[in-house]
Amino acid sequence: MSYIALDSELAISLQATLEAARLQLEKAQKAATGNQPLTLKQAAAYLHVSYPTLKEYIRNGAITPSEYGSRVWITQKELDSFIAAHRRKS
């Protein structure tokens, strides 16, 4: 293994750039959490309900799916909002 000698200023600059990139990636990953698209079958499983029950929630407007052409999906964030709105209040 060979080593390359780096100027200390260059090494510090590279380290700062890598740290900034790592922080940006971490921020993007946190922002994306909950935005994963789920198929209707996956969404039904996530809610622990049957597929027809999920379709009923969609028909009643309780859950709003996203559509693009013939593809239909529901984000995890949408399902989490549905769960929070229907949580029992004790």
Protein backbone atom coordinates (compact mmCIF):
# COMPACT_ATOMS: atom_id res chain seq x y z
CA MET A 1 0.00 0.00 0.00
CA SER A 2 1.37 3.41 -0.92
CA TYR A 3 0.59 6.63 0.85
CA ILE A 4 0.28 10.11 -0.60
CA ALA A 5 1.58 13.07 1.33
CA LEU A 6 -0.97 15.86 1.55
CA ASP A 7 -0.54 19.48 2.41
CA SER A 8 -2.19 20.04 5.81
CA GLU A 9 -4.44 22.79 4.43
CA LEU A 10 -5.61 20.49 1.62
CA ALA A 11 -6.27 17.69 4.09
CA ILE A 12 -8.33 20.01 6.31
CA SER A 13 -10.26 21.29 3.29
CA LEU A 14 -10.98 17.75 2.09
CA GLN A 15 -12.11 16.71 5.55
CA ALA A 16 -14.46 19.71 5.80
CA THR A 17 -15.88 19.00 2.32
CA LEU A 18 -16.49 15.34 3.18
CA GLU A 19 -18.18 16.28 6.45
CA ALA A 20 -20.45 18.79 4.68
CA ALA A 21 -21.39 16.14 2.10
CA ARG A 22 -22.12 13.63 4.87
CA LEU A 23 -24.39 16.14 6.66
CA GLN A 24 -26.27 16.91 3.42
CA LEU A 25 -26.80 13.21 2.75
CA GLU A 26 -28.03 12.66 6.31
CA LYS A 27 -30.46 15.58 5.97
CA ALA A 28 -31.78 14.24 2.65
CA GLN A 29 -32.27 10.78 4.13
CA LYS A 30 -34.23 12.21 7.07
CA ALA A 31 -36.40 14.27 4.70
CA ALA A 32 -37.15 11.21 2.57
CA THR A 33 -38.23 9.12 5.55
CA GLY A 34 -41.94 8.47 5.32
CA ASN A 35 -42.18 9.41 1.67
CA GLN A 36 -41.61 5.91 0.40
CA PRO A 37 -44.34 4.93 -2.06
CA LEU A 38 -46.22 1.77 -1.13
CA THR A 39 -48.43 -0.29 -3.41
CA LEU A 40 -52.02 -0.70 -2.28
CA LYS A 41 -51.27 -4.23 -1.07
CA GLN A 42 -48.24 -2.97 0.88
CA ALA A 43 -50.35 -0.12 2.31
CA ALA A 44 -53.05 -2.56 3.43
CA ALA A 45 -50.40 -4.70 5.13
CA TYR A 46 -48.88 -1.58 6.76
CA LEU A 47 -52.29 -0.71 8.24
CA HIS A 48 -53.02 -4.34 9.12
CA VAL A 49 -56.29 -4.23 7.17
CA SER A 50 -57.58 -6.17 4.19
CA TYR A 51 -57.20 -4.88 0.65
CA PRO A 52 -60.99 -4.28 0.32
CA THR A 53 -60.96 -2.28 3.57
CA LEU A 54 -58.16 -0.07 2.24
CA LYS A 55 -60.11 0.45 -0.99
CA GLU A 56 -63.11 1.50 1.14
CA TYR A 57 -60.96 4.07 3.00
CA ILE A 58 -59.82 5.45 -0.37
CA ARG A 59 -63.39 5.53 -1.75
CA ASN A 60 -64.58 7.41 1.37
CA GLY A 61 -61.73 9.93 1.06
CA ALA A 62 -60.09 8.95 4.34
CA ILE A 63 -56.87 8.11 2.49
CA THR A 64 -55.69 9.90 -0.63
CA PRO A 65 -53.56 7.84 -3.00
CA SER A 66 -51.15 9.26 -5.55
CA GLU A 67 -51.52 8.32 -9.20
CA TYR A 68 -49.40 8.50 -12.30
CA GLY A 69 -50.92 6.89 -15.35
CA SER A 70 -52.13 3.47 -14.30
CA ARG A 71 -49.87 3.36 -11.25
CA VAL A 72 -51.38 4.01 -7.85
CA TRP A 73 -49.47 4.26 -4.58
CA ILE A 74 -49.80 5.67 -1.09
CA THR A 75 -46.95 7.22 0.84
CA GLN A 76 -46.07 5.98 4.29
CA LYS A 77 -46.50 9.55 5.52
CA GLU A 78 -50.13 9.53 4.30
CA LEU A 79 -50.77 6.28 6.15
CA ASP A 80 -49.13 7.60 9.32
CA SER A 81 -51.39 10.68 9.14
CA PHE A 82 -54.43 8.43 8.76
CA ILE A 83 -53.38 6.39 11.80
CA ALA A 84 -52.81 9.53 13.89
CA ALA A 85 -56.20 10.98 12.90
CA HIS A 86 -57.99 7.78 13.91
CA ARG A 87 -56.16 7.13 17.16
CA ARG A 88 -58.46 6.62 20.13
CA LYS A 89 -58.55 9.44 22.61
CA SER A 90 -58.65 8.23 26.20
